[in-house]
Each structure stands twice: as C-alpha cells, then as structure tokens.
C-alpha cells in the first residue's frame, strides 16, 4: 500500500512537470544574487553614507561627550554636595535623552532611505526580468530559492545581472 502511494506521488510529479513543460517556457532567477552583484549597490551605499555622514558624526560626538561627562563625574563625585550631584544627574539624563532621540531619528531616517533605494534597485531588477521574459518568450519565471533543482540552462540570473549592470 505504501509503495502504491509513493508510485502515485512520483507519477503525479512527473505529470505536473510534463504539463508545465508543455504549457510554456520556464526560467529561474536568483534575485538575491542579482541584488548582491549590482554595481549600483555600491554607488547607493556611498551616496547614503555621504548623505548621513554629518548626522552620524553628531551622534558619535554626543556619545563621546556623554562618556567624558560620566568619567569626569565619577572622579568628582566624592567632592560634590547633594545639589551638585542632583544637577550632574539631571544633566546626564538630558544628555542621554538627546543622544537616544537623535540616534533613533538617524536610524529611522537611514532605514527609510535604504528602503527607498532598495525598492528602486528591485524595480530595476524586475524591469530587467520583464525584458528578458519578453525577449525569450518565457511564460514563467520562478525565484531560484523556490526550487530544489534546476537545469542550469533555465537559469537567467547572469542575463539579469548583465542587464541591470548597464
């Protein structure tokens, strides 16, 4: 009985593959590999790094100021009265709040811009896949990660990389 179920499953798999092949041309693409090998990726990374450089520097300076303040206060703590200690603690809390707010804002803005640029690059990849699909008369393009095995002749990843690199 178990052997019959295995045979039926194998037969169904073969029939599905035959049916898919009879229906049209199929290809696969590894979009993650395309994305990793896009030359525009380095350009965008540098552009974003330059765009946020001044804010990163500001946050780093705030962090360093906070550390210096804490070190100074630890040295001076023994010589401070209660009101001076309270004032120092308030200043430290204010510095920490400013640092956290600016760091959070920076990360949110950077993540938003990275997402915008990622979407532009993914749109370019999609356009290249569409162009290749039309040019080769493909009926179906599947993400490489969705299949266990594919004949290398069906993989259009290098063609997509070539197209988006232009």
C-alpha atoms as a PDB file:
ATOM      1  CA  UNK A   1       0.000   0.000   0.000  1.00  0.00           C
ATOM      2  CA  UNK A   2       2.792   2.419   0.960  1.00  0.00           C
ATOM      3  CA  UNK A   3       4.621   1.590  -2.268  1.00  0.00           C
ATOM      4  CA  UNK A   4       1.475   2.378  -4.254  1.00  0.00           C
ATOM      5  CA  UNK A   5       1.219   5.816  -2.640  1.00  0.00           C
ATOM      6  CA  UNK A   6       4.859   6.554  -3.447  1.00  0.00           C
ATOM      7  CA  UNK A   7       4.339   5.465  -7.044  1.00  0.00           C
ATOM      8  CA  UNK A   8       1.223   7.633  -7.360  1.00  0.00           C
ATOM      9  CA  UNK A   9       3.140  10.625  -5.922  1.00  0.00           C
ATOM     10  CA  UNK A  10       6.025  10.141  -8.332  1.00  0.00           C
ATOM     11  CA  UNK A  11       3.618   9.785 -11.246  1.00  0.00           C
ATOM     12  CA  UNK A  12       1.823  12.984 -10.223  1.00  0.00           C
ATOM     13  CA  UNK A  13       5.148  14.816 -10.009  1.00  0.00           C
ATOM     14  CA  UNK A  14       6.211  13.631 -13.473  1.00  0.00           C
ATOM     15  CA  UNK A  15       2.822  14.546 -14.935  1.00  0.00           C
ATOM     16  CA  UNK A  16       2.975  18.018 -13.348  1.00  0.00           C
ATOM     17  CA  UNK A  17       6.453  18.630 -14.722  1.00  0.00           C
ATOM     18  CA  UNK A  18       5.416  17.370 -18.156  1.00  0.00           C
ATOM     19  CA  UNK A  19       2.308  19.533 -18.079  1.00  0.00           C
ATOM     20  CA  UNK A  20       4.302  22.596 -17.066  1.00  0.00           C
ATOM     21  CA  UNK A  21       6.817  21.954 -19.813  1.00  0.00           C
ATOM     22  CA  UNK A  22       4.072  21.515 -22.382  1.00  0.00           C
ATOM     23  CA  UNK A  23       2.419  24.749 -21.274  1.00  0.00           C
ATOM     24  CA  UNK A  24       5.362  27.028 -21.944  1.00  0.00           C
ATOM     25  CA  UNK A  25       8.911  28.049 -21.315  1.00  0.00           C
ATOM     26  CA  UNK A  26      10.100  28.317 -17.736  1.00  0.00           C
ATOM     27  CA  UNK A  27      13.158  30.018 -16.253  1.00  0.00           C
ATOM     28  CA  UNK A  28      14.545  30.734 -12.814  1.00  0.00           C
ATOM     29  CA  UNK A  29      16.342  33.753 -11.420  1.00  0.00           C
ATOM     30  CA  UNK A  30      18.206  34.324  -8.169  1.00  0.00           C
ATOM     31  CA  UNK A  31      17.165  37.889  -7.341  1.00  0.00           C
ATOM     32  CA  UNK A  32      19.299  37.947  -4.188  1.00  0.00           C
ATOM     33  CA  UNK A  33      22.401  37.204  -6.264  1.00  0.00           C
ATOM     34  CA  UNK A  34      21.412  39.859  -8.796  1.00  0.00           C
ATOM     35  CA  UNK A  35      20.932  42.379  -5.992  1.00  0.00           C
ATOM     36  CA  UNK A  36      24.311  41.496  -4.443  1.00  0.00           C
ATOM     37  CA  UNK A  37      26.161  41.865  -7.750  1.00  0.00           C
ATOM     38  CA  UNK A  38      24.557  45.122  -8.896  1.00  0.00           C
ATOM     39  CA  UNK A  39      27.241  47.812  -9.317  1.00  0.00           C
ATOM     40  CA  UNK A  40      24.608  50.412  -8.379  1.00  0.00           C
ATOM     41  CA  UNK A  41      24.541  48.907  -4.899  1.00  0.00           C
ATOM     42  CA  UNK A  42      27.985  50.305  -4.041  1.00  0.00           C
ATOM     43  CA  UNK A  43      27.085  53.683  -5.524  1.00  0.00           C
ATOM     44  CA  UNK A  44      23.919  53.837  -3.431  1.00  0.00           C
ATOM     45  CA  UNK A  45      25.786  52.721  -0.292  1.00  0.00           C
ATOM     46  CA  UNK A  46      28.332  55.524  -0.759  1.00  0.00           C
ATOM     47  CA  UNK A  47      25.597  58.045  -1.541  1.00  0.00           C
ATOM     48  CA  UNK A  48      23.689  57.164   1.627  1.00  0.00           C
ATOM     49  CA  UNK A  49      26.868  57.193   3.686  1.00  0.00           C
ATOM     50  CA  UNK A  50      27.617  60.732   2.466  1.00  0.00           C
ATOM     51  CA  UNK A  51      24.008  61.796   2.968  1.00  0.00           C
ATOM     52  CA  UNK A  52      24.017  60.799   6.643  1.00  0.00           C
ATOM     53  CA  UNK A  53      27.687  61.471   7.480  1.00  0.00           C
ATOM     54  CA  UNK A  54      27.096  64.725   9.352  1.00  0.00           C
ATOM     55  CA  UNK A  55      24.288  63.245  11.464  1.00  0.00           C
ATOM     56  CA  UNK A  56      26.363  60.132  12.250  1.00  0.00           C
ATOM     57  CA  UNK A  57      29.231  62.386  13.336  1.00  0.00           C
ATOM     58  CA  UNK A  58      26.871  64.423  15.531  1.00  0.00           C
ATOM     59  CA  UNK A  59      25.546  61.288  17.262  1.00  0.00           C
ATOM     60  CA  UNK A  60      29.087  59.981  17.770  1.00  0.00           C
ATOM     61  CA  UNK A  61      30.089  63.318  19.309  1.00  0.00           C
ATOM     62  CA  UNK A  62      27.096  63.203  21.659  1.00  0.00           C
ATOM     63  CA  UNK A  63      28.091  59.706  22.705  1.00  0.00           C
ATOM     64  CA  UNK A  64      31.678  60.779  23.361  1.00  0.00           C
ATOM     65  CA  UNK A  65      30.520  63.839  25.319  1.00  0.00           C
ATOM     66  CA  UNK A  66      28.332  61.602  27.467  1.00  0.00           C
ATOM     67  CA  UNK A  67      31.206  59.241  28.194  1.00  0.00           C
ATOM     68  CA  UNK A  68      33.526  62.107  29.065  1.00  0.00           C
ATOM     69  CA  UNK A  69      30.900  63.621  31.333  1.00  0.00           C
ATOM     70  CA  UNK A  70      30.364  60.305  33.154  1.00  0.00           C
ATOM     71  CA  UNK A  71      34.120  59.806  33.620  1.00  0.00           C
ATOM     72  CA  UNK A  72      34.507  63.342  34.983  1.00  0.00           C
ATOM     73  CA  UNK A  73      31.560  62.924  37.330  1.00  0.00           C
ATOM     74  CA  UNK A  74      32.903  59.634  38.669  1.00  0.00           C
ATOM     75  CA  UNK A  75      36.186  61.362  39.535  1.00  0.00           C
ATOM     76  CA  UNK A  76      34.476  64.394  41.086  1.00  0.00           C
ATOM     77  CA  UNK A  77      31.642  62.526  42.860  1.00  0.00           C
ATOM     78  CA  UNK A  78      33.471  62.394  46.203  1.00  0.00           C
ATOM     79  CA  UNK A  79      33.874  66.176  46.261  1.00  0.00           C
ATOM     80  CA  UNK A  80      30.295  67.082  45.262  1.00  0.00           C
ATOM     81  CA  UNK A  81      27.450  68.028  47.584  1.00  0.00           C
ATOM     82  CA  UNK A  82      23.930  66.651  47.104  1.00  0.00           C
ATOM     83  CA  UNK A  83      22.688  69.530  44.951  1.00  0.00           C
ATOM     84  CA  UNK A  84      25.719  69.262  42.660  1.00  0.00           C
ATOM     85  CA  UNK A  85      25.163  65.519  42.367  1.00  0.00           C
ATOM     86  CA  UNK A  86      21.481  66.067  41.517  1.00  0.00           C
ATOM     87  CA  UNK A  87      22.401  68.727  38.962  1.00  0.00           C
ATOM     88  CA  UNK A  88      25.006  66.434  37.388  1.00  0.00           C
ATOM     89  CA  UNK A  89      22.480  63.573  37.243  1.00  0.00           C
ATOM     90  CA  UNK A  90      19.906  65.859  35.568  1.00  0.00           C
ATOM     91  CA  UNK A  91      22.480  66.993  33.012  1.00  0.00           C
ATOM     92  CA  UNK A  92      23.457  63.375  32.340  1.00  0.00           C
ATOM     93  CA  UNK A  93      19.790  62.398  31.890  1.00  0.00           C
ATOM     94  CA  UNK A  94      19.285  65.303  29.457  1.00  0.00           C
ATOM     95  CA  UNK A  95      22.394  64.325  27.505  1.00  0.00           C
ATOM     96  CA  UNK A  96      21.251  60.717  27.371  1.00  0.00           C
ATOM     97  CA  UNK A  97      17.744  61.682  26.211  1.00  0.00           C
ATOM     98  CA  UNK A  98      19.183  63.903  23.459  1.00  0.00           C
ATOM     99  CA  UNK A  99      21.527  61.130  22.358  1.00  0.00           C
ATOM    100  CA  UNK A 100      18.785  58.497  22.274  1.00  0.00           C
ATOM    101  CA  UNK A 101      16.389  60.782  20.365  1.00  0.00           C
ATOM    102  CA  UNK A 102      18.983  61.760  17.744  1.00  0.00           C
ATOM    103  CA  UNK A 103      20.294  58.196  17.359  1.00  0.00           C
ATOM    104  CA  UNK A 104      16.773  56.806  16.948  1.00  0.00           C
ATOM    105  CA  UNK A 105      15.840  59.513  14.447  1.00  0.00           C
ATOM    106  CA  UNK A 106      19.030  58.861  12.482  1.00  0.00           C
ATOM    107  CA  UNK A 107      18.404  55.107  12.321  1.00  0.00           C
ATOM    108  CA  UNK A 108      14.778  55.579  11.280  1.00  0.00           C
ATOM    109  CA  UNK A 109      15.682  58.065   8.545  1.00  0.00           C
ATOM    110  CA  UNK A 110      18.556  55.907   7.335  1.00  0.00           C
ATOM    111  CA  UNK A 111      16.364  52.793   7.238  1.00  0.00           C
ATOM    112  CA  UNK A 112      13.680  54.690   5.316  1.00  0.00           C
ATOM    113  CA  UNK A 113      16.183  55.945   2.725  1.00  0.00           C
ATOM    114  CA  UNK A 114      17.787  52.494   2.404  1.00  0.00           C
ATOM    115  CA  UNK A 115      14.346  51.007   1.795  1.00  0.00           C
ATOM    116  CA  UNK A 116      13.586  53.645  -0.856  1.00  0.00           C
ATOM    117  CA  UNK A 117      16.840  52.906  -2.664  1.00  0.00           C
ATOM    118  CA  UNK A 118      16.341  49.134  -2.306  1.00  0.00           C
ATOM    119  CA  UNK A 119      12.908  49.478  -3.914  1.00  0.00           C
ATOM    120  CA  UNK A 120      14.431  51.404  -6.825  1.00  0.00           C
ATOM    121  CA  UNK A 121      17.011  48.663  -7.377  1.00  0.00           C
ATOM    122  CA  UNK A 122      14.408  45.890  -7.068  1.00  0.00           C
ATOM    123  CA  UNK A 123      12.250  47.735  -9.583  1.00  0.00           C
ATOM    124  CA  UNK A 124      15.215  47.821 -11.952  1.00  0.00           C
ATOM    125  CA  UNK A 125      15.720  44.070 -11.441  1.00  0.00           C
ATOM    126  CA  UNK A 126      12.027  43.444 -12.123  1.00  0.00           C
ATOM    127  CA  UNK A 127      12.257  45.522 -15.305  1.00  0.00           C
ATOM    128  CA  UNK A 128      15.260  43.511 -16.491  1.00  0.00           C
ATOM    129  CA  UNK A 129      13.448  40.244 -15.773  1.00  0.00           C
ATOM    130  CA  UNK A 130      10.403  41.508 -17.684  1.00  0.00           C
ATOM    131  CA  UNK A 131      12.583  42.494 -20.665  1.00  0.00           C
ATOM    132  CA  UNK A 132      14.311  39.111 -20.751  1.00  0.00           C
ATOM    133  CA  UNK A 133      10.989  37.310 -20.318  1.00  0.00           C
ATOM    134  CA  UNK A 134       9.529  39.118 -23.340  1.00  0.00           C
ATOM    135  CA  UNK A 135      12.677  38.748 -25.446  1.00  0.00           C
ATOM    136  CA  UNK A 136      12.909  34.982 -24.834  1.00  0.00           C
ATOM    137  CA  UNK A 137       9.187  34.293 -24.895  1.00  0.00           C
ATOM    138  CA  UNK A 138       9.174  32.925 -21.365  1.00  0.00           C
ATOM    139  CA  UNK A 139       5.849  32.056 -19.763  1.00  0.00           C
ATOM    140  CA  UNK A 140       7.004  31.633 -16.188  1.00  0.00           C
ATOM    141  CA  UNK A 141       9.969  32.885 -14.148  1.00  0.00           C
ATOM    142  CA  UNK A 142      10.458  31.356 -10.701  1.00  0.00           C
ATOM    143  CA  UNK A 143      12.639  32.600  -7.852  1.00  0.00           C
ATOM    144  CA  UNK A 144      15.677  30.291  -7.565  1.00  0.00           C
ATOM    145  CA  UNK A 145      15.091  29.721  -3.858  1.00  0.00           C
ATOM    146  CA  UNK A 146      11.672  28.210  -4.568  1.00  0.00           C
ATOM    147  CA  UNK A 147      13.060  25.210  -6.454  1.00  0.00           C
ATOM    148  CA  UNK A 148      15.237  22.348  -5.277  1.00  0.00           C
ATOM    149  CA  UNK A 149      16.946  21.697  -8.575  1.00  0.00           C
ATOM    150  CA  UNK A 150      17.003  23.486 -11.878  1.00  0.00           C
ATOM    151  CA  UNK A 151      18.815  22.744 -15.091  1.00  0.00           C
ATOM    152  CA  UNK A 152      21.458  25.486 -15.408  1.00  0.00           C
ATOM    153  CA  UNK A 153      20.225  26.245 -18.919  1.00  0.00           C
ATOM    154  CA  UNK A 154      16.982  27.552 -17.390  1.00  0.00           C
ATOM    155  CA  UNK A 155      18.761  29.994 -15.044  1.00  0.00           C
ATOM    156  CA  UNK A 156      18.617  33.594 -16.345  1.00  0.00           C
ATOM    157  CA  UNK A 157      20.379  35.150 -13.332  1.00  0.00           C
ATOM    158  CA  UNK A 158      23.539  36.113 -15.241  1.00  0.00           C
ATOM    159  CA  UNK A 159      21.467  37.662 -18.011  1.00  0.00           C
ATOM    160  CA  UNK A 160      19.606  39.766 -15.447  1.00  0.00           C
ATOM    161  CA  UNK A 161      22.888  40.823 -13.798  1.00  0.00           C
ATOM    162  CA  UNK A 162      24.224  41.835 -17.195  1.00  0.00           C
ATOM    163  CA  UNK A 163      21.061  43.801 -17.997  1.00  0.00           C
ATOM    164  CA  UNK A 164      20.930  45.729 -14.685  1.00  0.00           C
ATOM    165  CA  UNK A 165      24.664  46.497 -14.850  1.00  0.00           C
ATOM    166  CA  UNK A 166      24.234  48.593 -17.957  1.00  0.00           C
END
